[in-house]
Amino acid sequence: MDYRKIITIEPGKMGGKPSIRGMRITVYDVLDYLASGMTEEEILRDFPYLTGEDIRACLAFAADRERRLTSILA
C-alpha cells in the first residue's frame, strides 16, 4: 500500500506528527486504539470520517518505519 497519499506530515499541525489526510488524528492515535483492543469497526464507528484504507495506511506507515529503523540499526 502506498500510504504517502494518506499519511501527511505538516510542521504546523499536530506538532509535525504523522496524521491522516491532514486531519487532527495521528497515526499514533490509530495504532494506540488498535493496540488497546479496539477493532477496525469500532474505530470507524467512533471516527466516521476515517476509512478502512486510512487504518491500513497507518499500519503500512508503522511497518515501513520499523523496517527502516531496523536497517539503520543493523
Protein backbone atom coordinates (compact mmCIF):
# COMPACT_ATOMS: atom_id res chain seq x y z
CA MET A 1 0.00 0.00 0.00
CA ASP A 2 1.22 3.47 -0.86
CA TYR A 3 0.42 5.27 2.37
CA ARG A 4 2.08 8.51 1.21
CA LYS A 5 -1.20 9.76 -0.26
CA ILE A 6 -2.96 9.27 3.08
CA ILE A 7 -0.38 9.89 5.81
CA THR A 8 0.72 13.52 5.91
CA ILE A 9 3.29 15.38 7.97
CA GLU A 10 2.75 19.10 8.36
CA PRO A 11 5.09 21.02 10.69
CA GLY A 12 2.35 23.40 11.89
CA LYS A 13 -0.26 20.73 12.53
CA MET A 14 -0.32 18.23 15.39
CA GLY A 15 3.26 19.15 16.26
CA GLY A 16 4.50 17.71 12.98
CA LYS A 17 3.36 14.20 13.86
CA PRO A 18 2.22 11.95 11.01
CA SER A 19 -1.53 12.34 10.63
CA ILE A 20 -4.29 11.05 8.40
CA ARG A 21 -5.12 13.19 5.37
CA GLY A 22 -4.14 16.37 7.19
CA MET A 23 -6.80 15.84 9.85
CA ARG A 24 -6.22 16.12 13.55
CA ILE A 25 -5.92 12.40 14.17
CA THR A 26 -2.42 10.95 14.19
CA VAL A 27 -1.03 7.62 13.12
CA TYR A 28 -0.11 7.11 16.76
CA ASP A 29 -3.75 7.62 17.81
CA VAL A 30 -4.97 4.92 15.42
CA LEU A 31 -2.20 2.49 16.38
CA ASP A 32 -2.92 3.11 20.06
CA TYR A 33 -6.62 2.36 19.55
CA LEU A 34 -5.76 -0.88 17.79
CA ALA A 35 -3.22 -1.83 20.47
CA SER A 36 -5.78 -1.20 23.19
CA GLY A 37 -8.06 -3.77 21.59
CA MET A 38 -10.42 -1.64 19.51
CA THR A 39 -11.48 -3.30 16.30
CA GLU A 40 -11.39 -1.56 12.95
CA GLU A 41 -15.19 -1.44 13.03
CA GLU A 42 -15.18 0.28 16.44
CA ILE A 43 -12.66 2.87 15.27
CA LEU A 44 -14.67 3.58 12.13
CA ARG A 45 -17.85 3.90 14.19
CA ASP A 46 -16.20 6.34 16.64
CA PHE A 47 -14.49 8.31 13.86
CA PRO A 48 -16.86 8.23 10.87
CA TYR A 49 -14.56 10.46 8.80
CA LEU A 50 -11.93 7.67 8.76
CA THR A 51 -11.92 4.78 6.31
CA GLY A 52 -10.59 1.25 6.43
CA GLU A 53 -7.94 2.39 3.97
CA ASP A 54 -6.84 5.07 6.47
CA ILE A 55 -6.33 2.40 9.13
CA ARG A 56 -4.38 0.17 6.75
CA ALA A 57 -2.25 3.19 5.76
CA CYS A 58 -1.37 3.70 9.44
CA LEU A 59 -0.29 0.08 9.71
CA ALA A 60 1.73 0.30 6.49
CA PHE A 61 3.39 3.51 7.68
CA ALA A 62 4.33 1.89 11.00
CA ALA A 63 5.67 -1.22 9.26
CA ASP A 64 7.76 0.87 6.88
CA ARG A 65 9.11 2.98 9.72
CA GLU A 66 10.04 -0.15 11.68
CA ARG A 67 11.72 -1.66 8.61
CA ARG A 68 13.79 1.49 8.11
CA LEU A 69 14.76 1.67 11.80
CA THR A 70 15.83 -1.98 11.76
CA SER A 71 18.00 -1.43 8.68
CA ILE A 72 19.69 1.58 10.30
CA LEU A 73 20.50 -0.36 13.46
CA ALA A 74 21.72 -3.46 11.63
